[in-house]
Structures are given as structure tokens and as C-alpha cells.
């Protein structure tokens, strides 16, 4: 690598029929953008729209202040996790940047990249994290792990208290902003 070149981690995606996916992606430079309810609502809308377009079941989610966890299961044999992520993330970028330009331009500057082509960024570049899941035990462990994320960080006392999480849906205490496809979740 030449001086000045930056190493960028690459994410390999395996679009294998019958696999669930645990996805994680982050806000630009770990900014806590998802503390803003407006941006979380944009993400909810985008994920719902992506579900219709790309035919996947959503089994679990948690929106942390600076990153997102999703556990999903594509329902078609031919699918692209990259396209699912693009459909889930791009509408948030457009709406959030438009809002900040109009209402809070000083905050928009925190998202400046210093590049001409992409002046501002909402999501961190790179592929994020994508883990294929084929075993029910691993799937259950993954869902429990992401649900406990807000508790481990000290943001709430119980996972069900975190608003942008499917933990409350799974324990039956509330419906949450995103519907979960419980019927297709494998029995254990």
C-alpha cells in the first residue's frame, strides 16, 4: 500500500438460499445519529419498504445510537443482501441530509467527508457486518445478543425497555415500530 492509501475492510456476502443473516451497520464516524427519533422513523419506513421490494422476513432488530442490528431471512432463493441494505439505508440518507440542510446546517457539518463526490455521509462506508446463520441455536443466541445490547451499554435496565428493538415484541410486552415475522422463525 502506498503512503496515504487507506485500508478499507471488505465485507464478503454469501447470498445462500435458506440462510438467515445477522447484519450490522454503523453511522458515519460513530456519530450517535440514531438518538434522533426522526432518523429512526426514517429507518423503520425504509426497512418496511425494503421488505416489500426484496421479500425477506425480519426476525429481530435493534437500533443503537450509532449502529443497527438486523436479523433477517430472505424468502426467495435468488436475493442480494447488498441490495437489501442499499434499499434500507439510502432513503434514510436522503431524508436525514435534507432535514439537516434545511433545519440544522451546523449539525450537518459533522457529517462532512471532505470529498467532492460525496460531500456528506450518514452511514459509515464499507460493508458493515454480515453473518450467515444456518443453525437454530446460533440464530437464537444472535437474537438474544442483539436484544441485550442496550442493557450491556447501560442505556436501559431490561431489553424490552429499548424503543427501537424487537425485544418487547418477542416477550409480548408491546408491538414495536417494526413488525416481526414470528411465524417463519424456526422452532427449537
N, C-alpha and C. Protein backbone atom coordinates (compact mmCIF):
# COMPACT_ATOMS: atom_id res chain seq x y z
N UNK A 1 0.84 -1.17 0.00
CA UNK A 1 0.00 0.00 0.00
C UNK A 1 0.89 1.24 0.00
N UNK A 2 0.55 2.21 -0.81
CA UNK A 2 1.31 3.45 -0.87
C UNK A 2 0.96 4.34 0.31
N UNK A 3 1.86 5.25 0.61
CA UNK A 3 1.59 6.21 1.69
C UNK A 3 0.36 7.01 1.31
N UNK A 4 -0.51 7.22 2.25
CA UNK A 4 -1.73 7.98 2.00
C UNK A 4 -2.91 7.09 1.63
N UNK A 5 -2.61 5.87 1.15
CA UNK A 5 -3.71 4.95 0.86
C UNK A 5 -4.30 4.48 2.18
N UNK A 6 -5.58 4.28 2.19
CA UNK A 6 -6.24 3.81 3.40
C UNK A 6 -6.71 2.39 3.19
N UNK A 7 -6.57 1.62 4.22
CA UNK A 7 -7.09 0.25 4.19
C UNK A 7 -8.58 0.32 4.46
N UNK A 8 -9.35 -0.34 3.63
CA UNK A 8 -10.78 -0.42 3.87
C UNK A 8 -11.17 -1.88 4.00
N UNK A 9 -11.76 -2.18 5.13
CA UNK A 9 -12.22 -3.54 5.39
C UNK A 9 -13.30 -3.91 4.37
N UNK A 10 -13.20 -5.08 3.84
CA UNK A 10 -14.19 -5.55 2.88
C UNK A 10 -15.10 -6.57 3.55
N UNK A 11 -16.35 -6.50 3.18
CA UNK A 11 -17.34 -7.43 3.72
C UNK A 11 -17.73 -8.39 2.61
N UNK A 12 -17.52 -9.66 2.82
CA UNK A 12 -17.93 -10.67 1.84
C UNK A 12 -19.36 -11.08 2.16
N UNK A 13 -20.16 -11.15 1.14
CA UNK A 13 -21.55 -11.53 1.31
C UNK A 13 -21.80 -12.86 0.62
N UNK A 14 -22.50 -13.73 1.32
CA UNK A 14 -22.86 -15.02 0.76
C UNK A 14 -24.38 -15.08 0.70
N UNK A 15 -24.92 -14.92 -0.49
CA UNK A 15 -26.36 -14.94 -0.70
C UNK A 15 -26.79 -16.38 -0.93
N UNK A 16 -26.90 -17.13 0.14
CA UNK A 16 -27.20 -18.56 0.06
C UNK A 16 -28.63 -18.82 0.50
N UNK A 17 -29.40 -19.43 -0.38
CA UNK A 17 -30.80 -19.74 -0.08
C UNK A 17 -30.89 -20.56 1.21
N UNK A 18 -31.86 -20.21 2.04
CA UNK A 18 -32.08 -20.93 3.29
C UNK A 18 -31.26 -20.42 4.46
N UNK A 19 -30.44 -19.41 4.25
CA UNK A 19 -29.65 -18.83 5.33
C UNK A 19 -30.31 -17.57 5.87
N UNK A 20 -30.29 -17.42 7.18
CA UNK A 20 -30.65 -16.14 7.80
C UNK A 20 -29.39 -15.28 7.79
N UNK A 21 -29.56 -13.98 8.00
CA UNK A 21 -28.41 -13.07 8.02
C UNK A 21 -28.49 -12.17 9.25
N UNK A 22 -27.40 -12.08 9.96
CA UNK A 22 -27.24 -11.10 11.05
C UNK A 22 -26.43 -9.96 10.46
N UNK A 23 -27.04 -8.80 10.35
CA UNK A 23 -26.41 -7.63 9.72
C UNK A 23 -26.18 -6.55 10.75
N UNK A 24 -25.05 -5.89 10.64
CA UNK A 24 -24.75 -4.74 11.49
C UNK A 24 -24.15 -3.66 10.60
N UNK A 25 -24.64 -2.44 10.74
CA UNK A 25 -24.04 -1.31 10.03
C UNK A 25 -24.06 -0.10 10.95
N UNK A 26 -23.14 0.83 10.70
CA UNK A 26 -22.87 1.93 11.64
C UNK A 26 -23.08 3.30 11.02
N UNK A 27 -23.35 4.26 11.89
CA UNK A 27 -23.43 5.65 11.48
C UNK A 27 -22.01 6.17 11.19
N UNK A 28 -21.95 7.18 10.36
CA UNK A 28 -20.68 7.78 9.97
C UNK A 28 -19.88 8.21 11.20
N UNK A 29 -18.65 7.75 11.27
CA UNK A 29 -17.70 8.06 12.34
C UNK A 29 -18.29 7.86 13.74
N UNK A 30 -19.17 6.87 13.85
CA UNK A 30 -19.79 6.51 15.13
C UNK A 30 -20.59 7.66 15.76
N UNK A 31 -21.06 8.60 14.91
CA UNK A 31 -21.94 9.65 15.44
C UNK A 31 -23.22 9.00 15.94
N UNK A 32 -23.76 9.52 16.99
CA UNK A 32 -24.95 8.95 17.63
C UNK A 32 -26.23 9.50 16.97
N UNK A 33 -26.31 9.31 15.67
CA UNK A 33 -27.40 9.87 14.89
C UNK A 33 -28.74 9.22 15.18
N UNK A 34 -28.72 7.97 15.64
CA UNK A 34 -29.97 7.26 15.87
C UNK A 34 -30.56 7.52 17.26
N UNK A 35 -30.01 8.51 17.94
CA UNK A 35 -30.70 9.02 19.13
C UNK A 35 -31.85 9.93 18.70
N UNK A 36 -31.80 10.36 17.45
CA UNK A 36 -32.83 11.23 16.88
C UNK A 36 -34.00 10.36 16.40
N UNK A 37 -35.14 10.51 17.04
CA UNK A 37 -36.32 9.72 16.71
C UNK A 37 -36.70 9.84 15.24
N UNK A 38 -36.55 11.02 14.68
CA UNK A 38 -36.90 11.26 13.27
C UNK A 38 -36.10 10.32 12.35
N UNK A 39 -34.81 10.17 12.62
CA UNK A 39 -33.97 9.33 11.78
C UNK A 39 -34.30 7.85 11.97
N UNK A 40 -34.65 7.47 13.19
CA UNK A 40 -35.09 6.09 13.44
C UNK A 40 -36.38 5.79 12.69
N UNK A 41 -37.30 6.74 12.66
CA UNK A 41 -38.55 6.53 11.93
C UNK A 41 -38.29 6.39 10.43
N UNK A 42 -37.32 7.18 9.92
CA UNK A 42 -36.95 7.04 8.50
C UNK A 42 -36.42 5.62 8.24
N UNK A 43 -35.63 5.10 9.17
CA UNK A 43 -35.08 3.76 9.02
C UNK A 43 -36.18 2.70 9.09
N UNK A 44 -37.12 2.86 9.99
CA UNK A 44 -38.26 1.95 10.08
C UNK A 44 -39.00 1.91 8.75
N UNK A 45 -39.31 3.08 8.20
CA UNK A 45 -40.02 3.16 6.92
C UNK A 45 -39.23 2.50 5.80
N UNK A 46 -37.92 2.74 5.77
CA UNK A 46 -37.07 2.18 4.72
C UNK A 46 -36.99 0.66 4.82
N UNK A 47 -36.87 0.14 6.03
CA UNK A 47 -36.82 -1.32 6.20
C UNK A 47 -38.15 -1.95 5.78
N UNK A 48 -39.26 -1.32 6.17
CA UNK A 48 -40.57 -1.84 5.75
C UNK A 48 -40.70 -1.85 4.23
N UNK A 49 -40.26 -0.79 3.58
CA UNK A 49 -40.32 -0.73 2.11
C UNK A 49 -39.40 -1.79 1.49
N UNK A 50 -38.21 -1.96 2.07
CA UNK A 50 -37.26 -2.96 1.55
C UNK A 50 -37.83 -4.36 1.69
N UNK A 51 -38.58 -4.62 2.74
CA UNK A 51 -39.21 -5.94 2.92
C UNK A 51 -40.15 -6.25 1.77
N UNK A 52 -40.91 -5.27 1.37
CA UNK A 52 -41.85 -5.47 0.26
C UNK A 52 -41.11 -5.68 -1.06
N UNK A 53 -40.07 -4.90 -1.27
CA UNK A 53 -39.32 -4.97 -2.53
C UNK A 53 -38.48 -6.23 -2.64
N UNK A 54 -37.83 -6.63 -1.55
CA UNK A 54 -36.84 -7.70 -1.60
C UNK A 54 -37.28 -9.01 -0.94
N UNK A 55 -38.48 -9.10 -0.46
CA UNK A 55 -39.04 -10.34 0.08
C UNK A 55 -38.14 -11.00 1.12
N UNK A 56 -38.14 -10.40 2.30
CA UNK A 56 -37.44 -11.03 3.42
C UNK A 56 -38.29 -10.91 4.67
N UNK A 57 -38.10 -11.86 5.58
CA UNK A 57 -38.74 -11.81 6.88
C UNK A 57 -37.77 -11.16 7.86
N UNK A 58 -38.29 -10.31 8.70
CA UNK A 58 -37.48 -9.67 9.74
C UNK A 58 -37.72 -10.40 11.04
N UNK A 59 -36.66 -10.95 11.61
CA UNK A 59 -36.79 -11.74 12.84
C UNK A 59 -36.36 -10.97 14.08
N UNK A 60 -35.48 -10.01 13.94
CA UNK A 60 -35.06 -9.23 15.11
C UNK A 60 -34.36 -7.96 14.63
N UNK A 61 -34.39 -6.93 15.48
CA UNK A 61 -33.68 -5.69 15.18
C UNK A 61 -33.40 -4.94 16.47
N UNK A 62 -32.38 -4.13 16.44
CA UNK A 62 -32.08 -3.17 17.49
C UNK A 62 -31.38 -1.99 16.82
N UNK A 63 -31.92 -0.80 17.03
CA UNK A 63 -31.25 0.42 16.57
C UNK A 63 -30.54 1.00 17.78
N UNK A 64 -29.24 0.94 17.81
CA UNK A 64 -28.44 1.55 18.87
C UNK A 64 -28.17 3.00 18.46
N UNK A 65 -27.65 3.84 19.36
CA UNK A 65 -27.43 5.24 19.00
C UNK A 65 -26.54 5.43 17.76
N UNK A 66 -25.55 4.55 17.58
CA UNK A 66 -24.61 4.74 16.46
C UNK A 66 -24.50 3.53 15.53
N UNK A 67 -25.32 2.51 15.73
CA UNK A 67 -25.30 1.38 14.81
C UNK A 67 -26.63 0.62 14.86
N UNK A 68 -26.79 -0.29 13.91
CA UNK A 68 -28.05 -1.03 13.74
C UNK A 68 -27.73 -2.52 13.63
N UNK A 69 -28.56 -3.33 14.27
CA UNK A 69 -28.51 -4.79 14.11
C UNK A 69 -29.83 -5.24 13.49
N UNK A 70 -29.74 -6.10 12.48
CA UNK A 70 -30.92 -6.72 11.88
C UNK A 70 -30.66 -8.21 11.77
N UNK A 71 -31.68 -9.01 12.02
CA UNK A 71 -31.62 -10.43 11.72
C UNK A 71 -32.78 -10.68 10.77
N UNK A 72 -32.44 -11.10 9.56
CA UNK A 72 -33.48 -11.28 8.55
C UNK A 72 -33.29 -12.59 7.80
N UNK A 73 -34.37 -12.97 7.14
CA UNK A 73 -34.38 -14.22 6.40
C UNK A 73 -35.00 -13.98 5.02
N UNK A 74 -34.18 -13.98 3.96
CA UNK A 74 -34.73 -13.81 2.61
C UNK A 74 -35.65 -14.98 2.27
N UNK A 75 -36.80 -14.67 1.71
CA UNK A 75 -37.79 -15.71 1.41
C UNK A 75 -37.72 -16.21 -0.02
N UNK A 76 -36.85 -15.63 -0.83
CA UNK A 76 -36.63 -16.10 -2.20
C UNK A 76 -35.24 -16.72 -2.29
N UNK A 77 -35.08 -17.68 -3.18
CA UNK A 77 -33.77 -18.30 -3.36
C UNK A 77 -32.75 -17.35 -3.97
N UNK A 78 -33.21 -16.46 -4.85
CA UNK A 78 -32.33 -15.51 -5.51
C UNK A 78 -32.51 -14.15 -4.85
N UNK A 79 -31.51 -13.72 -4.10
CA UNK A 79 -31.60 -12.45 -3.39
C UNK A 79 -30.21 -11.83 -3.29
N UNK A 80 -30.19 -10.57 -2.87
CA UNK A 80 -28.93 -9.85 -2.69
C UNK A 80 -28.99 -9.07 -1.38
N UNK A 81 -28.17 -9.48 -0.41
CA UNK A 81 -28.10 -8.73 0.85
C UNK A 81 -27.63 -7.31 0.58
N UNK A 82 -26.73 -7.12 -0.36
CA UNK A 82 -26.25 -5.78 -0.70
C UNK A 82 -27.41 -4.89 -1.14
N UNK A 83 -28.31 -5.42 -1.96
CA UNK A 83 -29.47 -4.62 -2.41
C UNK A 83 -30.46 -4.38 -1.27
N UNK A 84 -30.62 -5.37 -0.40
CA UNK A 84 -31.50 -5.19 0.76
C UNK A 84 -30.96 -4.05 1.63
N UNK A 85 -29.67 -4.07 1.89
CA UNK A 85 -29.06 -3.00 2.70
C UNK A 85 -29.16 -1.65 2.01
N UNK A 86 -28.90 -1.62 0.71
CA UNK A 86 -28.99 -0.36 -0.03
C UNK A 86 -30.41 0.21 0.07
N UNK A 87 -31.42 -0.63 -0.11
CA UNK A 87 -32.81 -0.17 -0.02
C UNK A 87 -33.19 0.26 1.39
N UNK A 88 -32.54 -0.31 2.39
CA UNK A 88 -32.83 0.04 3.78
C UNK A 88 -32.10 1.30 4.23
N UNK A 89 -30.95 1.57 3.64
CA UNK A 89 -30.12 2.67 4.12
C UNK A 89 -30.25 3.95 3.28
N UNK A 90 -30.35 3.85 1.96
CA UNK A 90 -30.34 5.04 1.11
C UNK A 90 -31.47 6.02 1.40
N UNK A 91 -32.71 5.56 1.60
CA UNK A 91 -33.77 6.54 1.88
C UNK A 91 -33.51 7.33 3.17
N UNK A 92 -32.88 6.70 4.14
CA UNK A 92 -32.55 7.39 5.40
C UNK A 92 -31.56 8.51 5.11
N UNK A 93 -30.56 8.24 4.31
CA UNK A 93 -29.55 9.24 3.97
C UNK A 93 -30.21 10.44 3.32
N UNK A 94 -31.01 10.20 2.30
CA UNK A 94 -31.66 11.32 1.58
C UNK A 94 -32.51 12.17 2.52
N UNK A 95 -33.35 11.52 3.31
CA UNK A 95 -34.26 12.27 4.18
C UNK A 95 -33.51 12.98 5.31
N UNK A 96 -32.55 12.31 5.92
CA UNK A 96 -31.81 12.90 7.04
C UNK A 96 -30.98 14.09 6.58
N UNK A 97 -30.26 13.93 5.46
CA UNK A 97 -29.43 15.04 4.98
C UNK A 97 -30.29 16.22 4.54
N UNK A 98 -31.43 15.96 3.90
CA UNK A 98 -32.34 17.04 3.51
C UNK A 98 -32.84 17.79 4.74
N UNK A 99 -33.21 17.05 5.78
CA UNK A 99 -33.68 17.68 7.01
C UNK A 99 -32.58 18.54 7.64
N UNK A 100 -31.39 17.98 7.75
CA UNK A 100 -30.29 18.73 8.37
C UNK A 100 -29.91 19.96 7.55
N UNK A 101 -29.90 19.85 6.23
CA UNK A 101 -29.60 21.01 5.38
C UNK A 101 -30.57 22.15 5.65
N UNK A 102 -31.84 21.79 5.76
CA UNK A 102 -32.88 22.82 5.91
C UNK A 102 -32.98 23.35 7.34
N UNK A 103 -32.85 22.49 8.34
CA UNK A 103 -33.16 22.88 9.71
C UNK A 103 -31.95 23.01 10.64
N UNK A 104 -30.89 22.27 10.38
CA UNK A 104 -29.75 22.28 11.29
C UNK A 104 -28.42 22.17 10.53
N UNK A 105 -28.12 23.16 9.71
CA UNK A 105 -26.92 23.09 8.88
C UNK A 105 -25.62 22.94 9.69
N UNK A 106 -25.57 23.47 10.89
CA UNK A 106 -24.35 23.33 11.71
C UNK A 106 -24.11 21.86 12.06
N UNK A 107 -25.17 21.12 12.33
CA UNK A 107 -25.02 19.69 12.64
C UNK A 107 -24.64 18.89 11.41
N UNK A 108 -25.07 19.36 10.25
CA UNK A 108 -24.73 18.68 9.01
C UNK A 108 -23.21 18.64 8.81
N UNK A 109 -22.53 19.66 9.25
CA UNK A 109 -21.08 19.73 9.08
C UNK A 109 -20.34 18.59 9.78
N UNK A 110 -20.94 18.01 10.82
CA UNK A 110 -20.31 16.84 11.47
C UNK A 110 -20.23 15.66 10.53
N UNK A 111 -21.07 15.66 9.50
CA UNK A 111 -21.13 14.55 8.56
C UNK A 111 -20.36 14.83 7.27
N UNK A 112 -19.61 15.92 7.26
CA UNK A 112 -18.82 16.28 6.08
C UNK A 112 -17.68 15.29 5.89
N UNK A 113 -17.49 14.87 4.65
CA UNK A 113 -16.46 13.89 4.33
C UNK A 113 -15.18 14.52 3.82
N UNK A 114 -15.25 15.77 3.37
CA UNK A 114 -14.09 16.40 2.75
C UNK A 114 -13.88 15.95 1.32
N UNK A 115 -14.82 15.23 0.77
CA UNK A 115 -14.73 14.74 -0.62
C UNK A 115 -15.71 15.49 -1.49
N UNK A 116 -15.35 15.65 -2.75
CA UNK A 116 -16.24 16.34 -3.68
C UNK A 116 -17.43 15.49 -4.10
N UNK A 117 -17.17 14.23 -4.36
CA UNK A 117 -18.20 13.35 -4.89
C UNK A 117 -19.31 13.07 -3.87
N UNK A 118 -18.93 12.82 -2.65
CA UNK A 118 -19.90 12.55 -1.59
C UNK A 118 -19.58 13.49 -0.43
N UNK A 119 -20.22 14.63 -0.46
CA UNK A 119 -19.90 15.70 0.49
C UNK A 119 -20.23 15.34 1.93
N UNK A 120 -21.38 14.67 2.11
CA UNK A 120 -21.83 14.29 3.46
C UNK A 120 -22.17 12.81 3.48
N UNK A 121 -22.06 12.24 4.63
CA UNK A 121 -22.33 10.81 4.78
C UNK A 121 -23.09 10.56 6.07
N UNK A 122 -24.12 9.74 6.00
CA UNK A 122 -24.89 9.35 7.18
C UNK A 122 -24.38 8.02 7.72
N UNK A 123 -24.17 7.05 6.83
CA UNK A 123 -23.70 5.72 7.21
C UNK A 123 -22.21 5.59 6.98
N UNK A 124 -21.55 4.81 7.80
CA UNK A 124 -20.13 4.53 7.63
C UNK A 124 -19.91 3.76 6.34
N UNK A 125 -18.86 4.11 5.62
CA UNK A 125 -18.53 3.37 4.40
C UNK A 125 -18.12 1.96 4.75
N UNK A 126 -18.23 1.09 3.76
CA UNK A 126 -17.83 -0.29 3.96
C UNK A 126 -19.06 -1.17 4.09
N UNK A 127 -18.82 -2.42 4.15
CA UNK A 127 -19.91 -3.39 4.13
C UNK A 127 -20.59 -3.64 5.45
N UNK A 128 -20.03 -3.11 6.53
CA UNK A 128 -20.62 -3.45 7.82
C UNK A 128 -20.29 -4.88 8.17
N UNK A 129 -21.21 -5.55 8.77
CA UNK A 129 -21.00 -6.93 9.22
C UNK A 129 -22.17 -7.77 8.71
N UNK A 130 -21.88 -8.90 8.11
CA UNK A 130 -22.90 -9.81 7.60
C UNK A 130 -22.49 -11.22 7.96
N UNK A 131 -23.30 -11.86 8.76
CA UNK A 131 -23.01 -13.24 9.17
C UNK A 131 -24.16 -14.13 8.75
N UNK A 132 -23.87 -15.13 7.94
CA UNK A 132 -24.89 -16.11 7.57
C UNK A 132 -25.12 -17.03 8.75
N UNK A 133 -26.39 -17.36 8.99
CA UNK A 133 -26.76 -18.23 10.11
C UNK A 133 -27.55 -19.41 9.56
N UNK A 134 -27.07 -20.61 9.89
CA UNK A 134 -27.72 -21.82 9.39
C UNK A 134 -28.24 -22.72 10.50
N UNK A 135 -27.84 -22.44 11.74
CA UNK A 135 -28.25 -23.29 12.86
C UNK A 135 -29.20 -22.53 13.78
N UNK A 136 -30.26 -23.20 14.19
CA UNK A 136 -31.28 -22.58 15.04
C UNK A 136 -30.67 -22.08 16.35
N UNK A 137 -29.76 -22.85 16.95
CA UNK A 137 -29.15 -22.44 18.23
C UNK A 137 -28.38 -21.14 18.07
N UNK A 138 -27.66 -20.99 16.96
CA UNK A 138 -26.89 -19.76 16.69
C UNK A 138 -27.85 -18.60 16.45
N UNK A 139 -28.93 -18.87 15.75
CA UNK A 139 -29.94 -17.85 15.48
C UNK A 139 -30.52 -17.31 16.79
N UNK A 140 -30.91 -18.19 17.68
CA UNK A 140 -31.49 -17.78 18.96
C UNK A 140 -30.45 -17.01 19.79
N UNK A 141 -29.23 -17.48 19.80
CA UNK A 141 -28.15 -16.80 20.52
C UNK A 141 -27.91 -15.40 19.95
N UNK A 142 -27.95 -15.27 18.63
CA UNK A 142 -27.75 -13.98 17.97
C UNK A 142 -28.86 -13.00 18.33
N UNK A 143 -30.11 -13.47 18.30
CA UNK A 143 -31.24 -12.60 18.65
C UNK A 143 -31.12 -12.15 20.10
N UNK A 144 -30.80 -13.05 20.99
CA UNK A 144 -30.63 -12.67 22.41
C UNK A 144 -29.49 -11.66 22.57
N UNK A 145 -28.41 -11.88 21.85
CA UNK A 145 -27.25 -10.99 21.94
C UNK A 145 -27.61 -9.57 21.49
N UNK A 146 -28.26 -9.45 20.33
CA UNK A 146 -28.56 -8.09 19.87
C UNK A 146 -29.61 -7.43 20.77
N UNK A 147 -30.57 -8.20 21.28
CA UNK A 147 -31.57 -7.63 22.18
C UNK A 147 -30.94 -7.12 23.47
N UNK A 148 -29.89 -7.75 23.93
CA UNK A 148 -29.27 -7.33 25.19
C UNK A 148 -28.27 -6.18 25.01
N UNK A 149 -28.02 -5.78 23.78
CA UNK A 149 -27.07 -4.71 23.51
C UNK A 149 -27.35 -3.42 24.29
N UNK A 150 -28.58 -2.90 24.31
CA UNK A 150 -28.84 -1.67 25.07
C UNK A 150 -28.64 -1.85 26.58
N UNK A 151 -28.86 -3.05 27.09
CA UNK A 151 -28.66 -3.33 28.52
C UNK A 151 -27.16 -3.34 28.83
N UNK A 152 -26.39 -4.03 28.00
CA UNK A 152 -24.93 -4.08 28.20
C UNK A 152 -24.31 -2.69 28.17
N UNK A 153 -24.87 -1.81 27.37
CA UNK A 153 -24.35 -0.44 27.27
C UNK A 153 -24.87 0.47 28.38
N UNK A 154 -25.78 -0.03 29.22
CA UNK A 154 -26.31 0.77 30.31
C UNK A 154 -27.36 1.79 29.89
N UNK A 155 -27.98 1.58 28.74
CA UNK A 155 -28.98 2.53 28.25
C UNK A 155 -30.36 2.27 28.84
N UNK A 156 -30.62 1.02 29.21
CA UNK A 156 -31.87 0.61 29.85
C UNK A 156 -31.56 -0.53 30.81
N UNK A 157 -32.52 -0.83 31.67
CA UNK A 157 -32.32 -1.93 32.62
C UNK A 157 -32.73 -3.28 32.03
N UNK A 158 -33.76 -3.28 31.18
CA UNK A 158 -34.18 -4.52 30.53
C UNK A 158 -34.26 -4.26 29.02
N UNK A 159 -34.02 -5.29 28.24
CA UNK A 159 -34.01 -5.16 26.78
C UNK A 159 -35.35 -4.66 26.24
N UNK A 160 -36.43 -5.05 26.89
CA UNK A 160 -37.76 -4.68 26.43
C UNK A 160 -38.03 -3.18 26.55
N UNK A 161 -37.24 -2.47 27.34
CA UNK A 161 -37.42 -1.02 27.52
C UNK A 161 -36.89 -0.20 26.35
N UNK A 162 -36.04 -0.80 25.52
CA UNK A 162 -35.44 -0.04 24.42
C UNK A 162 -36.45 0.07 23.29
N UNK A 163 -36.83 1.30 22.93
CA UNK A 163 -37.90 1.55 21.96
C UNK A 163 -37.65 0.92 20.60
N UNK A 164 -36.47 1.11 20.06
CA UNK A 164 -36.20 0.60 18.72
C UNK A 164 -35.52 -0.76 18.79
N UNK A 165 -36.29 -1.72 19.26
CA UNK A 165 -35.82 -3.09 19.43
C UNK A 165 -37.02 -4.03 19.31
N UNK A 166 -36.75 -5.23 18.85
CA UNK A 166 -37.80 -6.24 18.78
C UNK A 166 -37.91 -7.06 20.06
N UNK A 167 -37.12 -6.73 21.07
CA UNK A 167 -37.16 -7.50 22.32
C UNK A 167 -38.56 -7.50 22.93
N UNK A 168 -39.22 -6.36 22.95
CA UNK A 168 -40.57 -6.26 23.51
C UNK A 168 -41.59 -7.05 22.70
N UNK A 169 -41.36 -7.14 21.40
CA UNK A 169 -42.25 -7.93 20.54
C UNK A 169 -42.12 -9.41 20.90
N UNK A 170 -40.87 -9.87 21.07
CA UNK A 170 -40.64 -11.27 21.36
C UNK A 170 -41.16 -11.67 22.75
N UNK A 171 -41.11 -10.76 23.72
CA UNK A 171 -41.61 -11.15 25.05
C UNK A 171 -43.09 -10.80 25.23
N UNK A 172 -43.69 -10.18 24.21
CA UNK A 172 -45.12 -9.91 24.24
C UNK A 172 -45.53 -8.65 24.99
N UNK A 173 -44.58 -7.79 25.37
CA UNK A 173 -44.95 -6.58 26.12
C UNK A 173 -45.42 -5.44 25.23
N UNK A 174 -45.02 -5.43 23.95
CA UNK A 174 -45.52 -4.41 23.04
C UNK A 174 -45.22 -4.80 21.60
N UNK A 175 -45.76 -4.03 20.64
CA UNK A 175 -45.62 -4.39 19.24
C UNK A 175 -44.37 -3.80 18.60
N UNK A 176 -43.90 -2.65 19.06
CA UNK A 176 -42.71 -2.04 18.48
C UNK A 176 -42.98 -1.38 17.15
N UNK A 177 -42.03 -0.59 16.67
CA UNK A 177 -42.24 0.15 15.43
C UNK A 177 -42.14 -0.71 14.17
N UNK A 178 -41.49 -1.87 14.25
CA UNK A 178 -41.38 -2.78 13.11
C UNK A 178 -42.01 -4.12 13.46
N UNK A 179 -42.81 -4.62 12.56
CA UNK A 179 -43.42 -5.94 12.77
C UNK A 179 -42.36 -7.02 12.61
N UNK A 180 -42.48 -8.05 13.41
CA UNK A 180 -41.57 -9.19 13.35
C UNK A 180 -42.34 -10.36 12.74
N UNK A 181 -41.65 -11.13 11.91
CA UNK A 181 -42.25 -12.28 11.26
C UNK A 181 -42.03 -13.53 12.11
N UNK A 182 -42.75 -13.58 13.21
CA UNK A 182 -42.58 -14.69 14.17
C UNK A 182 -42.97 -16.04 13.59
N UNK A 183 -43.96 -16.04 12.69
CA UNK A 183 -44.46 -17.30 12.14
C UNK A 183 -43.39 -18.06 11.36
N UNK A 184 -42.45 -17.35 10.77
CA UNK A 184 -41.43 -18.05 9.98
C UNK A 184 -40.16 -18.34 10.78
N UNK A 185 -40.11 -17.86 12.03
CA UNK A 185 -38.93 -18.13 12.87
C UNK A 185 -38.91 -19.61 13.20
N UNK A 186 -37.75 -20.26 13.03
CA UNK A 186 -37.70 -21.71 13.28
C UNK A 186 -37.99 -22.07 14.73
N UNK A 187 -38.70 -23.16 14.92
CA UNK A 187 -38.97 -23.67 16.27
C UNK A 187 -37.72 -24.37 16.77
N UNK A 188 -37.54 -24.34 18.07
CA UNK A 188 -36.35 -25.01 18.63
C UNK A 188 -36.73 -26.06 19.62
